[in-house]
Protein backbone atom coordinates (compact mmCIF):
# COMPACT_ATOMS: atom_id res chain seq x y z
CA MET A 1 0.00 0.00 0.00
CA ASN A 2 3.03 2.24 0.16
CA THR A 3 3.36 4.73 -2.66
CA PRO A 4 6.70 4.83 -4.44
CA ALA A 5 8.52 8.13 -4.47
CA ALA A 6 8.33 8.11 -8.27
CA GLN A 7 6.81 5.84 -10.86
CA PRO A 8 9.21 3.91 -13.14
CA ARG A 9 10.04 5.82 -16.27
CA PRO A 10 8.29 4.35 -19.32
CA ASP A 11 11.50 4.71 -21.33
CA ALA A 12 13.66 2.82 -18.83
CA THR A 13 16.15 0.40 -20.39
CA PRO A 14 18.23 -2.43 -18.94
CA ASP A 15 21.34 -0.27 -19.23
CA ALA A 16 19.64 2.51 -17.30
CA MET A 17 18.44 0.16 -14.58
CA ALA A 18 21.52 -2.03 -14.29
CA ALA A 19 24.95 -1.49 -12.76
CA PRO A 20 28.13 -3.54 -12.61
CA LEU A 21 28.63 -6.02 -9.82
CA VAL A 22 29.68 -4.07 -6.73
CA ALA A 23 30.80 -4.94 -3.26
CA ARG A 24 27.96 -5.41 -0.81
CA PRO A 25 27.20 -2.04 0.82
CA LYS A 26 28.15 -1.90 4.46
CA VAL A 27 24.59 -1.10 5.50
CA LEU A 28 23.41 -4.46 4.13
CA GLU A 29 25.36 -6.24 6.82
CA GLU A 30 22.98 -4.75 9.40
CA ILE A 31 19.96 -6.49 7.86
CA ASP A 32 19.28 -10.14 8.62
CA TRP A 33 18.66 -11.20 5.03
CA ALA A 34 19.43 -14.82 5.91
CA GLY A 35 16.41 -15.17 8.22
CA LYS A 36 13.77 -13.81 5.85
CA GLN A 37 11.21 -15.65 3.71
CA TYR A 38 11.50 -15.22 -0.07
CA LEU A 39 9.23 -16.03 -3.00
CA ILE A 40 10.43 -16.00 -6.61
CA VAL A 41 7.71 -16.02 -9.29
CA ASP A 42 8.78 -16.58 -12.91
CA ASP A 43 7.62 -18.94 -15.63
CA PHE A 44 11.21 -19.62 -16.78
CA VAL A 45 13.16 -22.01 -14.59
CA GLY A 46 16.48 -20.45 -15.64
CA ILE A 47 15.46 -17.02 -14.40
CA ARG A 48 14.23 -18.50 -11.13
CA GLN A 49 17.60 -20.18 -10.64
CA LEU A 50 19.50 -16.94 -11.35
CA LEU A 51 17.39 -14.97 -8.88
CA ARG A 52 17.72 -17.76 -6.33
CA GLU A 53 21.51 -17.65 -6.57
CA SER A 54 21.48 -13.88 -6.19
CA LEU A 55 19.41 -14.21 -3.03
CA ARG A 56 21.66 -16.94 -1.70
CA SER A 57 24.59 -14.56 -2.04
CA LEU A 58 22.87 -12.52 0.68
CA GLY A 59 22.76 -15.63 2.84
CA ALA A 60 19.07 -16.33 2.14
CA ARG A 61 17.99 -19.83 3.09
CA ASN A 62 14.18 -19.84 2.91
CA ILE A 63 13.41 -19.42 -0.79
CA ASP A 64 10.20 -20.68 -2.39
CA GLN A 65 9.49 -20.65 -6.13
CA ALA A 66 6.37 -20.45 -8.27
CA SER A 67 6.13 -20.88 -12.04
CA SER A 68 2.71 -19.24 -12.47
CA GLY A 69 0.49 -16.57 -11.00
CA GLY A 70 -1.96 -19.14 -9.68
CA GLU A 71 0.80 -21.09 -7.93
CA ALA A 72 2.11 -17.85 -6.46
CA MET A 73 -1.29 -16.98 -5.00
CA GLY A 74 -1.49 -20.41 -3.38
CA LEU A 75 1.87 -19.90 -1.68
CA LEU A 76 1.06 -16.32 -0.64
CA ALA A 77 -2.13 -17.56 1.01
CA LYS A 78 -0.17 -20.08 3.10
CA LEU A 79 2.89 -18.09 4.18
CA ARG A 80 3.72 -14.43 4.80
CA TYR A 81 6.78 -13.60 2.72
CA ASP A 82 9.24 -10.83 3.50
CA VAL A 83 10.38 -10.44 -0.11
CA VAL A 84 8.57 -11.32 -3.35
CA LEU A 85 10.35 -11.13 -6.70
CA CYS A 86 7.67 -11.48 -9.38
CA ASP A 87 7.96 -11.40 -13.15
CA TYR A 88 5.37 -9.34 -15.04
CA ASN A 89 4.68 -11.89 -17.80
CA LEU A 90 3.90 -15.32 -16.37
CA GLY A 91 2.44 -17.09 -19.39
CA GLU A 92 -1.10 -18.47 -19.17
CA GLY A 93 -3.13 -17.25 -16.19
CA LYS A 94 -2.48 -14.35 -13.86
CA ASN A 95 0.31 -11.93 -14.71
CA GLY A 96 2.50 -10.22 -12.13
CA GLN A 97 0.30 -7.14 -12.02
CA GLN A 98 -2.71 -9.30 -11.12
CA VAL A 99 -0.70 -11.20 -8.50
CA LEU A 100 0.24 -7.94 -6.79
CA GLU A 101 -3.29 -6.56 -7.08
CA GLU A 102 -4.88 -9.64 -5.54
CA ALA A 103 -2.25 -9.97 -2.82
CA ARG A 104 -2.93 -6.38 -1.77
CA ILE A 105 -6.71 -6.72 -1.82
CA ARG A 106 -6.64 -10.00 0.11
CA GLN A 107 -3.97 -8.59 2.47
CA LEU A 108 -1.61 -11.48 1.83
CA LEU A 109 1.41 -9.19 2.22
CA THR A 110 2.48 -7.81 5.59
CA PRO A 111 3.05 -4.05 5.94
CA SER A 112 6.81 -4.65 5.84
CA SER A 113 6.76 -7.08 2.88
CA VAL A 114 8.72 -6.02 -0.19
CA PHE A 115 7.19 -6.72 -3.61
CA VAL A 116 9.58 -6.25 -6.54
CA MET A 117 8.20 -6.43 -10.07
CA VAL A 118 10.75 -7.92 -12.45
CA SER A 119 10.24 -7.73 -16.19
CA ALA A 120 11.80 -7.58 -19.61
CA GLU A 121 8.87 -5.38 -20.67
CA LYS A 122 9.84 -1.81 -21.53
CA SER A 123 6.70 -0.59 -23.28
CA VAL A 124 4.85 2.38 -21.79
CA GLU A 125 1.67 0.27 -21.59
CA SER A 126 3.25 -2.49 -19.50
CA VAL A 127 5.30 -0.25 -17.25
CA MET A 128 2.37 2.06 -16.53
CA GLY A 129 0.06 -0.87 -15.89
CA ALA A 130 2.44 -2.28 -13.31
CA ALA A 131 3.22 1.12 -11.79
CA GLU A 132 -0.50 1.80 -11.21
CA HIS A 133 -0.48 -0.99 -8.64
CA GLN A 134 2.60 0.50 -7.00
CA PRO A 135 5.11 -2.29 -6.48
CA ASP A 136 7.88 -1.38 -4.07
CA ALA A 137 10.36 -1.54 -6.92
CA TYR A 138 10.32 -2.23 -10.67
CA LEU A 139 13.43 -3.82 -12.16
CA VAL A 140 13.99 -4.34 -15.87
CA LYS A 141 15.84 -7.49 -16.97
CA PRO A 142 18.67 -8.35 -17.14
CA ILE A 143 19.33 -7.70 -13.47
CA THR A 144 22.77 -7.78 -11.94
CA GLU A 145 23.36 -8.99 -8.43
CA GLY A 146 24.57 -5.52 -7.41
CA VAL A 147 21.39 -3.80 -8.57
CA LEU A 148 19.16 -6.39 -6.86
CA LEU A 149 20.98 -6.15 -3.52
CA THR A 150 21.15 -2.35 -3.58
CA ARG A 151 17.47 -2.00 -4.42
CA LEU A 152 16.37 -4.55 -1.81
CA ASN A 153 18.37 -2.74 0.82
CA ARG A 154 16.89 0.64 -0.10
CA VAL A 155 13.31 -0.59 -0.26
CA TRP A 156 13.52 -2.67 2.91
CA ARG A 157 14.74 0.26 4.97
CA ARG A 158 12.04 2.47 3.55
CA LYS A 159 9.36 -0.14 4.34
CA GLN A 160 10.40 -0.19 7.99
CA ILE A 161 9.68 3.52 8.24
CA PHE A 162 6.14 2.99 6.95
CA ARG A 163 5.49 -0.37 8.64
CA LEU A 164 3.49 0.90 11.64
CA ILE A 165 1.66 3.44 9.47
CA ASP A 166 0.67 0.70 7.04
CA GLN A 167 -0.52 -1.48 9.90
CA ALA A 168 -2.72 1.32 11.22
CA PHE A 169 -4.09 1.79 7.71
CA ILE A 170 -4.93 -1.91 7.41
CA GLU A 171 -6.72 -1.67 10.75
CA LYS A 172 -8.56 1.43 9.39
CA ASP A 173 -7.29 3.52 12.28
CA TYR A 174 -6.60 6.50 10.04
CA LEU A 175 -6.13 9.08 12.80
CA ARG A 176 -3.43 6.96 14.43
CA ALA A 177 -1.80 6.50 11.03
CA ALA A 178 -1.69 10.29 10.55
CA ARG A 179 -0.08 10.76 13.97
CA LEU A 180 2.49 8.08 13.18
CA CYS A 181 3.37 10.02 10.02
CA ASP A 182 4.21 13.04 12.20
CA ASP A 183 6.35 10.85 14.46
CA GLN A 184 8.30 9.50 11.50
CA ILE A 185 8.74 12.95 9.95
CA ALA A 186 10.42 14.11 13.14
CA ALA A 187 12.77 11.10 13.06
CA ASN A 188 13.32 10.74 9.27
CA ARG A 189 13.52 14.10 7.55
CA VAL A 190 14.89 12.46 4.41
CA HIS A 191 11.47 10.84 3.85
CA GLU A 192 9.46 13.92 4.84
CA ILE A 193 7.73 14.40 1.46
CA GLU A 194 6.62 10.76 1.23
CA LEU A 195 5.38 10.86 4.81
CA LEU A 196 3.45 14.07 4.16
CA ARG A 197 1.84 12.39 1.15
CA MET A 198 0.78 9.48 3.35
CA LYS A 199 -0.45 11.82 6.08
CA ALA A 200 -2.64 13.72 3.62
CA ARG A 201 -4.18 10.44 2.42
CA MET A 202 -4.90 9.39 5.99
CA LEU A 203 -6.54 12.73 6.77
CA GLU A 204 -8.72 12.40 3.68
CA ARG A 205 -9.74 8.88 4.71
CA SER A 206 -10.54 10.15 8.21
CA GLY A 207 -12.92 12.79 6.81
CA GLN A 208 -10.71 15.81 7.47
CA PRO A 209 -10.23 17.44 4.06
CA ALA A 210 -9.30 20.83 5.53
CA ARG A 211 -6.29 19.34 7.34
CA ALA A 212 -5.38 17.30 4.26
CA ARG A 213 -5.49 20.47 2.15
CA GLU A 214 -3.05 22.14 4.55
CA VAL A 215 -0.62 19.25 4.05
CA TYR A 216 -0.88 19.40 0.25
CA GLU A 217 -0.35 23.16 0.28
CA ARG A 218 2.67 22.74 2.57
CA VAL A 219 4.19 20.32 0.07
CA LEU A 220 3.43 22.55 -2.93
CA ALA A 221 5.09 25.48 -1.18
CA GLN A 222 8.34 23.50 -1.41
CA ARG A 223 7.95 22.08 -4.92
CA GLU A 224 5.28 21.39 -7.56
CA TYR A 225 4.49 17.73 -6.94
CA HIS A 226 1.80 16.39 -9.27
CA TRP A 227 0.31 14.11 -6.62
CA ALA A 228 -0.15 17.07 -4.28
CA ARG A 229 -1.86 19.15 -6.97
CA ALA A 230 -4.10 16.16 -7.80
CA GLY A 231 -4.83 15.73 -4.09
CA LEU A 232 -6.07 19.32 -3.89
CA GLY A 233 -8.21 18.62 -6.95
CA LYS A 234 -9.85 15.64 -5.25
CA ILE A 235 -10.66 17.76 -2.21
CA ARG A 236 -12.16 20.45 -4.45
CA MET A 237 -14.24 17.79 -6.17
CA ALA A 238 -15.46 16.38 -2.86
CA ASP A 239 -16.57 19.92 -1.95
CA GLY A 240 -18.59 20.10 -5.16
CA ASP A 241 -16.27 22.60 -6.87
CA PHE A 242 -15.95 20.56 -10.04
CA GLU A 243 -14.70 23.43 -12.21
CA GLN A 244 -11.71 24.17 -9.96
CA ALA A 245 -11.02 20.44 -9.74
CA ARG A 246 -11.14 20.16 -13.54
CA GLN A 247 -8.57 22.92 -13.91
CA MET A 248 -6.24 21.29 -11.40
CA PHE A 249 -6.38 17.86 -13.06
CA GLN A 250 -5.85 19.37 -16.49
CA THR A 251 -2.80 21.24 -15.18
CA VAL A 252 -1.34 17.98 -13.86
CA ILE A 253 -1.95 16.22 -17.19
CA ALA A 254 -0.41 19.11 -19.14
CA GLU A 255 2.76 18.81 -17.06
CA ASN A 256 2.85 15.00 -16.92
CA ARG A 257 0.78 13.20 -19.52
CA HIS A 258 1.64 9.84 -17.93
CA TYR A 259 0.03 10.67 -14.56
CA ILE A 260 -2.83 8.31 -15.23
CA ASP A 261 -4.85 8.88 -12.04
CA ALA A 262 -5.37 12.51 -13.08
CA TYR A 263 -7.32 11.29 -16.13
CA ASP A 264 -9.65 9.18 -13.98
CA GLN A 265 -10.25 12.12 -11.64
CA LEU A 266 -10.75 14.55 -14.53
CA ALA A 267 -13.44 12.25 -15.93
CA ARG A 268 -15.21 12.27 -12.55
CA ALA A 269 -15.03 16.06 -12.46
CA TYR A 270 -16.62 16.27 -15.91
CA GLN A 271 -19.36 13.86 -14.81
CA GLY A 272 -20.00 16.02 -11.76
CA MET A 273 -20.46 18.96 -14.12
CA GLY A 274 -22.87 16.96 -16.27
CA GLN A 275 -20.42 16.93 -19.20
CA HIS A 276 -20.64 13.21 -19.91
CA GLU A 277 -19.23 13.30 -23.45
CA GLU A 278 -16.07 15.01 -22.19
CA ALA A 279 -15.81 12.45 -19.38
CA ALA A 280 -16.03 9.54 -21.82
CA ALA A 281 -13.40 11.14 -24.08
CA VAL A 282 -10.96 11.49 -21.16
CA LEU A 283 -11.54 7.90 -20.08
CA GLU A 284 -11.03 6.66 -23.62
CA ARG A 285 -7.69 8.47 -23.79
CA ALA A 286 -6.62 7.03 -20.43
CA ALA A 287 -7.67 3.53 -21.49
CA ARG A 288 -5.50 3.79 -24.59
CA MET A 289 -2.48 4.76 -22.51
CA SER A 290 -2.96 2.15 -19.78
CA PRO A 291 -5.49 -0.38 -21.09
CA ASN A 292 -5.04 -3.17 -18.54
CA SER A 293 -7.10 -1.68 -15.72
CA VAL A 294 -10.43 -3.48 -15.29
CA PRO A 295 -12.04 -0.64 -13.24
CA ARG A 296 -11.04 1.96 -15.85
CA GLN A 297 -12.40 -0.05 -18.77
CA ARG A 298 -15.59 -0.69 -16.80
CA HIS A 299 -15.97 3.02 -16.01
CA LEU A 300 -15.49 3.79 -19.71
CA GLY A 301 -18.08 1.19 -20.71
CA GLN A 302 -20.63 2.58 -18.27
CA ALA A 303 -19.96 6.16 -19.38
CA ALA A 304 -20.37 5.19 -23.03
CA LEU A 305 -23.56 3.26 -22.26
CA ARG A 306 -24.99 6.34 -20.55
CA LEU A 307 -24.30 8.32 -23.74
CA GLY A 308 -25.73 5.66 -26.01
CA ASN A 309 -22.33 5.19 -27.66
CA VAL A 310 -22.79 1.49 -28.31
CA PRO A 311 -19.50 0.82 -30.18
CA MET A 312 -17.40 2.44 -27.44
CA ALA A 313 -19.32 0.64 -24.69
CA GLU A 314 -18.99 -2.72 -26.42
CA LYS A 315 -15.25 -2.30 -26.93
CA ALA A 316 -14.71 -1.36 -23.28
CA PHE A 317 -16.82 -4.15 -21.79
CA ARG A 318 -15.27 -6.78 -24.06
CA LYS A 319 -11.84 -5.56 -23.01
CA CYS A 320 -12.95 -5.94 -19.38
CA LEU A 321 -13.79 -9.58 -19.97
CA VAL A 322 -10.43 -10.25 -21.63
CA ILE A 323 -8.15 -8.55 -19.09
CA GLY A 324 -10.35 -9.54 -16.16
CA GLU A 325 -10.31 -13.27 -16.84
CA TYR A 326 -7.62 -13.89 -14.18
CA SER A 327 -8.08 -10.67 -12.18
CA ILE A 328 -9.62 -10.29 -8.74
CA ARG A 329 -11.25 -7.15 -10.17
CA LYS A 330 -13.40 -9.29 -12.44
CA GLY A 331 -17.04 -8.59 -11.71
CA PRO A 332 -20.62 -9.15 -12.90
CA GLU A 333 -20.93 -5.51 -13.99
CA ASP A 334 -18.92 -6.27 -17.13
CA TYR A 335 -21.25 -9.10 -18.20
CA LEU A 336 -24.35 -7.05 -17.36
CA GLY A 337 -23.00 -4.05 -19.24
CA LEU A 338 -22.18 -6.08 -22.33
CA ALA A 339 -25.64 -7.66 -22.15
CA ARG A 340 -27.15 -4.16 -22.25
CA VAL A 341 -25.01 -3.44 -25.31
CA CYS A 342 -26.28 -6.59 -27.02
CA GLY A 343 -29.84 -5.54 -26.21
CA LEU A 344 -29.29 -2.13 -27.79
CA LYS A 345 -27.98 -3.88 -30.89
CA GLY A 346 -31.08 -6.10 -30.99
CA ASN A 347 -29.06 -9.21 -30.21
CA THR A 348 -31.26 -10.58 -27.43
CA LYS A 349 -29.92 -14.13 -27.69
CA ASP A 350 -26.33 -13.12 -26.89
CA ALA A 351 -27.56 -10.82 -24.12
CA LEU A 352 -29.42 -13.63 -22.37
CA GLN A 353 -26.40 -15.91 -22.75
CA LEU A 354 -24.23 -13.30 -21.02
CA LEU A 355 -26.73 -13.08 -18.17
CA LEU A 356 -26.58 -16.84 -17.69
CA LEU A 357 -22.78 -16.68 -17.65
CA ALA A 358 -22.86 -13.92 -15.06
CA GLN A 359 -25.11 -15.94 -12.75
CA ARG A 360 -23.01 -19.05 -13.20
CA GLU A 361 -19.76 -17.15 -12.58
CA PHE A 362 -20.79 -14.90 -9.69
CA GLY A 363 -24.01 -16.31 -8.23
CA SER A 364 -22.31 -17.88 -5.23
CA GLU A 365 -20.23 -14.86 -4.23
CA HIS A 366 -22.28 -11.80 -5.21
CA GLU A 367 -25.45 -11.11 -3.26
CA HIS A 368 -28.56 -10.34 -5.33
CA MET A 369 -26.93 -11.68 -8.50
CA VAL A 370 -30.13 -13.33 -9.74
CA LEU A 371 -32.03 -10.11 -9.03
CA ARG A 372 -29.50 -8.01 -10.93
CA ALA A 373 -29.61 -10.38 -13.89
CA LYS A 374 -33.39 -10.14 -13.99
CA ILE A 375 -33.23 -6.32 -13.93
CA THR A 376 -30.82 -6.36 -16.86
CA GLU A 377 -33.00 -8.87 -18.69
CA GLY A 378 -35.93 -6.47 -18.39
CA HIS A 379 -33.82 -3.61 -19.73
CA VAL A 380 -32.58 -5.74 -22.63
CA TYR A 381 -36.12 -6.61 -23.71
CA HIS A 382 -37.39 -3.08 -23.20
CA GLU A 383 -34.54 -1.43 -25.10
CA SER A 384 -34.83 -3.91 -27.97
CA GLY A 385 -38.57 -3.13 -28.29
CA ASP A 386 -39.86 -6.47 -26.98
CA TYR A 387 -42.32 -4.92 -24.51
CA LEU A 388 -44.24 -8.15 -23.87
CA ASN A 389 -41.16 -9.96 -22.57
CA ALA A 390 -40.05 -6.80 -20.78
CA ARG A 391 -43.31 -6.81 -18.81
CA ARG A 392 -42.91 -10.53 -18.11
CA ALA A 393 -39.43 -9.87 -16.71
CA GLY A 394 -40.88 -7.04 -14.62
CA ASP A 395 -43.58 -9.31 -13.18
CA GLU A 396 -40.98 -11.97 -12.36
CA LEU A 397 -38.84 -9.31 -10.68
CA ASP A 398 -41.86 -8.14 -8.70
CA ALA A 399 -42.50 -11.71 -7.51
CA MET A 400 -38.86 -12.05 -6.45
CA LEU A 401 -39.12 -8.87 -4.39
CA GLN A 402 -42.28 -10.07 -2.69
CA ALA A 403 -40.65 -13.40 -1.80
CA ASP A 404 -37.45 -11.92 -0.36
CA PRO A 405 -37.59 -8.88 1.99
CA GLY A 406 -33.88 -8.20 1.46
CA ARG A 407 -32.99 -5.32 -0.84
CA PRO A 408 -29.81 -4.49 -2.77
CA GLY A 409 -27.89 -1.22 -2.56
CA THR A 410 -29.15 2.21 -3.55
CA ALA A 411 -27.92 2.26 -7.16
CA ILE A 412 -29.44 -1.14 -7.96
CA CYS A 413 -32.73 -0.21 -6.28
CA ILE A 414 -33.00 2.93 -8.40
CA GLU A 415 -32.27 0.97 -11.57
CA MET A 416 -34.85 -1.63 -10.53
CA ALA A 417 -37.58 0.93 -9.75
CA THR A 418 -36.95 2.72 -13.03
CA LEU A 419 -37.42 -0.53 -14.95
CA LEU A 420 -40.57 -1.50 -13.03
CA PHE A 421 -42.17 1.87 -13.75
CA ALA A 422 -41.13 1.60 -17.42
CA VAL A 423 -42.78 -1.80 -17.92
CA GLY A 424 -45.95 -0.83 -16.03
CA VAL A 425 -45.60 -2.64 -12.69
CA LYS A 426 -47.55 -0.78 -9.99
CA GLY A 427 -46.94 -0.41 -6.26
CA THR A 428 -43.59 -2.17 -5.88
CA PRO A 429 -41.38 0.53 -7.43
CA GLY A 430 -42.76 3.04 -4.93
CA GLU A 431 -41.92 0.67 -2.07
CA VAL A 432 -38.40 0.20 -3.44
CA LEU A 433 -37.85 3.95 -3.67
CA ALA A 434 -39.21 4.41 -0.15
CA TYR A 435 -36.52 1.95 0.99
CA VAL A 436 -33.93 4.08 -0.81
CA ILE A 437 -35.13 7.23 0.99
CA ARG A 438 -35.21 5.55 4.42
CA ASN A 439 -31.58 4.57 3.96
CA ASN A 440 -30.57 8.03 2.69
CA HIS A 441 -32.94 10.30 4.60
CA ASP A 442 -30.47 13.21 4.80
CA ASN A 443 -29.30 13.07 1.15
CA THR A 444 -31.23 15.86 -0.55
CA LEU A 445 -29.62 15.31 -3.96
CA LEU A 446 -30.71 11.68 -3.98
CA GLN A 447 -34.20 12.66 -2.87
CA ASP A 448 -34.41 15.02 -5.86
CA GLU A 449 -33.34 12.18 -8.14
CA VAL A 450 -36.01 9.89 -6.69
CA GLN A 451 -38.65 12.61 -7.10
CA LYS A 452 -37.72 12.90 -10.79
CA ILE A 453 -38.30 9.16 -11.22
CA PHE A 454 -41.80 9.60 -9.78
CA ASP A 455 -42.33 12.64 -12.01
CA ARG A 456 -41.45 10.66 -15.16
CA ALA A 457 -43.91 7.98 -14.04
CA ARG A 458 -46.56 10.73 -13.69
CA LEU A 459 -46.79 10.11 -9.95
CA ALA A 460 -45.37 13.39 -8.68
CA ASP A 461 -47.74 13.94 -5.75
CA GLU A 462 -47.69 10.31 -4.68
CA GLY A 463 -43.90 10.33 -4.85
CA ALA A 464 -43.61 13.46 -2.71
CA LEU A 465 -45.77 11.83 -0.04
CA ILE A 466 -43.72 8.60 -0.14
CA ILE A 467 -40.50 10.60 0.27
CA ARG A 468 -41.84 12.61 3.24
CA THR A 469 -43.18 9.50 4.97
CA ALA A 470 -39.96 7.52 4.46
CA ARG A 471 -37.80 10.37 5.79
CA LYS A 472 -39.95 10.68 8.90
CA GLU A 473 -39.79 6.95 9.58
CA ALA A 474 -36.00 6.99 9.40
CA VAL A 475 -35.71 10.02 11.67
CA ASP A 476 -38.12 8.53 14.23
CA LEU A 477 -36.24 5.22 14.32
CA MET A 478 -32.92 6.95 14.83
CA ASN A 479 -34.12 9.44 17.43
CA GLN A 480 -35.82 6.81 19.58
CA GLY A 481 -32.46 5.09 20.03
CA VAL A 482 -30.84 8.39 20.98
CA VAL A 483 -33.56 9.06 23.57
CA LEU A 484 -32.92 5.66 25.16
CA TRP A 485 -29.19 6.40 25.19
CA LYS A 486 -29.60 9.82 26.79
CA THR A 487 -31.89 8.48 29.52
CA GLY A 488 -29.31 5.89 30.51
CA LYS A 489 -31.16 2.86 29.15
CA LEU A 490 -28.13 1.50 27.35
CA PRO A 491 -29.20 -2.17 26.96
CA ASP A 492 -32.53 -1.01 25.55
CA ALA A 493 -30.77 1.46 23.27
CA VAL A 494 -28.49 -1.29 21.93
CA LYS A 495 -31.49 -3.55 21.21
CA TRP A 496 -33.43 -0.73 19.58
CA MET A 497 -30.56 0.21 17.29
CA ARG A 498 -30.19 -3.41 16.22
CA LYS A 499 -33.81 -3.31 15.08
CA ALA A 500 -33.18 0.01 13.37
CA ARG A 501 -30.21 -1.50 11.52
CA GLU A 502 -32.38 -4.37 10.31
CA ARG A 503 -34.92 -1.89 9.00
CA LEU A 504 -32.32 0.56 7.63
CA PRO A 505 -29.22 -1.54 6.86
CA ASP A 506 -27.56 1.11 4.68
CA ASN A 507 -28.46 4.27 6.60
CA VAL A 508 -25.05 5.68 7.54
CA ARG A 509 -26.40 7.98 10.27
CA VAL A 510 -28.24 5.10 11.91
CA LEU A 511 -25.19 2.85 11.66
CA PHE A 512 -22.91 5.45 13.22
CA ASN A 513 -25.36 6.01 16.08
CA ALA A 514 -25.59 2.27 16.64
CA VAL A 515 -21.80 2.05 16.99
CA GLN A 516 -21.66 5.08 19.28
CA ILE A 517 -24.21 3.47 21.59
CA LEU A 518 -22.27 0.18 21.62
CA ILE A 519 -19.12 2.08 22.56
CA SER A 520 -20.93 4.00 25.31
CA HIS A 521 -22.27 0.69 26.67
CA MET A 522 -18.71 -0.69 26.91
CA GLN A 523 -17.30 2.54 28.34
CA GLN A 524 -19.82 2.51 31.17
CA ARG A 525 -20.32 -1.22 31.76
CA GLY A 526 -17.05 -2.78 30.69
CA HIS A 527 -15.50 -4.16 27.55
CA GLU A 528 -17.29 -7.04 25.81
CA LEU A 529 -15.60 -8.72 22.90
CA GLU A 530 -18.89 -9.54 21.17
CA LEU A 531 -19.99 -5.91 21.30
CA GLU A 532 -16.61 -4.72 20.00
CA LEU A 533 -16.75 -7.16 17.09
CA GLU A 534 -20.32 -6.07 16.36
CA ALA A 535 -19.26 -2.42 16.31
CA ARG A 536 -16.29 -3.10 14.04
CA ALA A 537 -18.47 -5.08 11.61
CA VAL A 538 -20.92 -2.18 11.39
CA LEU A 539 -18.10 0.30 10.77
CA GLU A 540 -16.62 -1.95 8.07
CA HIS A 541 -20.01 -1.84 6.34
CA VAL A 542 -20.12 1.96 6.61
CA ASP A 543 -16.61 2.25 5.14
CA ARG A 544 -17.72 0.22 2.14
CA LEU A 545 -20.83 2.35 1.69
CA GLN A 546 -19.26 5.78 2.14
CA PRO A 547 -15.48 5.81 2.69
CA GLY A 548 -13.79 8.91 4.05
CA GLN A 549 -16.26 9.81 6.83
CA GLN A 550 -14.88 11.81 9.75
CA ARG A 551 -17.14 10.07 12.24
CA PHE A 552 -15.86 6.69 11.05
CA ALA A 553 -12.31 7.66 12.01
CA GLN A 554 -13.41 9.04 15.36
CA LEU A 555 -15.37 5.91 16.27
CA MET A 556 -12.52 3.64 15.17
CA GLU A 557 -10.24 5.59 17.49
CA GLN A 558 -12.71 5.24 20.37
CA LEU A 559 -12.91 1.49 19.74
CA GLY A 560 -9.13 1.26 19.76
CA ALA A 561 -9.01 3.02 23.12
CA LEU A 562 -11.33 0.48 24.76
CA GLN A 563 -9.46 -1.93 26.98
CA PRO A 564 -10.58 -5.52 27.63
CA PRO A 565 -11.23 -6.46 31.28
CA PRO A 566 -7.95 -6.53 33.26
CA GLU A 567 -6.54 -9.77 34.58
CA PRO A 568 -7.30 -10.44 38.28
CA GLU A 569 -3.83 -9.38 39.40
CA ALA A 570 -3.89 -6.15 37.40
CA ALA A 571 -5.03 -2.81 38.76
CA PRO A 572 -8.53 -1.77 37.69
CA ALA A 573 -8.69 0.41 34.60
CA GLU A 574 -9.54 4.06 35.13
CA PRO A 575 -13.21 4.63 34.22
CA VAL A 576 -14.11 6.84 31.31
CA GLY A 577 -16.12 9.85 32.35
CA GLU A 578 -19.33 11.09 30.79
CA LYS A 579 -17.50 14.13 29.40
CA ASP A 580 -15.34 11.87 27.20
CA GLN A 581 -18.31 10.40 25.39
CA ALA A 582 -19.58 11.74 22.09
CA ALA A 583 -23.35 11.76 21.86
CA PRO A 584 -24.97 10.06 18.88
CA ALA A 585 -26.27 12.57 16.39
CA ARG A 586 -29.93 13.42 16.23
CA ASN A 587 -31.63 14.72 13.17
């Protein structure tokens, strides 16, 4: 998760990366290379042997080898390696980029693990694709022993500086991570800029954009770093100032056309301004430069689909299926998107086949997969002009909703309600949109969007009533729990908020209040592991729904400060006073 000081240059050559064999630097003798665990991943046995001998020259004893990406993932799942040397091209199956991506997502690497990408690839496309996933080092073959040892030494020492920060990040304790950055800056001035970059990211994740902005501006006062300028642009965009954000991202691109993240952010800024054609054009340009990103191709496909640009959408979604075959980023959205494309082209047969493939591929791991496939089926029929089958799909979807009280997330519910209104199903779409409002009762922009859906269905007055009623229900549920909390009825408050969470599983305000009440219960009545685990699970759900919330960071810090019951021989823990507790928010 560490960010390299600089991305590898796309024009790097073996001569530029290599150096003659040199004596082992003195500093290397201070590192216990012999006791570490190593993994070499390369599909050529000769290269594996060369790298193994280079590692043995350090005194390394524990060296495992893998000849494919799949084999590497199996080993990474079983053992935590200190150093991974992984080739980019691994033949059939996962490539090195996908190995790194999956290892990071599944947290199969420790915060101090070193991942070195090794490759003979020198093309801009390959180097940028690997650099996007930020390996700790990128070495171009052929590699001399001197270069390998020097780079390992440099990266290992740097990783130790960030080790505790990374661990706090993994634990989602972003405020502690930011404080650790300050501690390391005081002790390691040579890494000050990198640590400030990490601190700004932690402050953003902890919902403190003003403090993050101060860090970015402090960095820019020293030198024009593109990542700092882009960071300011993201903060501007989060504040709704899309025009200022657009200018910042365009400035970064003008100065460094290979800074690929700026393209993704620029596209989001254009979308925020309602300029969807410009957004799609930016994404298309970025996808040409670095085409092996599944999320980027998916974003492009969805943007093109929104515009009705069928050829562009088809190209992007098909690319997703190709590059995502062995990627952990592979998802049902690509199949569903391509099915929509086939429907727009009048090719219903291929669309239905894609929907079957999606259910077969993801049905066991993605909740509501059958429901999502049925929604897309309805859209396919409706957009191809087969209104009879579209209505049949709508009726089947209605029956599924009646049989299962569970509901998917907000975006899917809105898509589902829109389809049901379009095919003439009555009653159920209003109930679905009421569910959306209950779970987003303080989101005025979303409420406006929902009202427009009712307006298009010629149900403006009915929709306004549904929205008002749903908002009131959410507020009443939340406030009743707060009343119980304030009157000291903590067990009752905990039980009430559990019921509220069942009714409003995606309402962030309700979820935060539920966690606050669990924490207050433990502060006043003692630590309980079950309650702590319950609180952490709720916060994990919130972080998936809406990352970067200030209250999330504050509650995670409060959870971290809770101490389990002391052992009998230990002195009793000092009680936490009422003044230290933060009250759950009321509407």
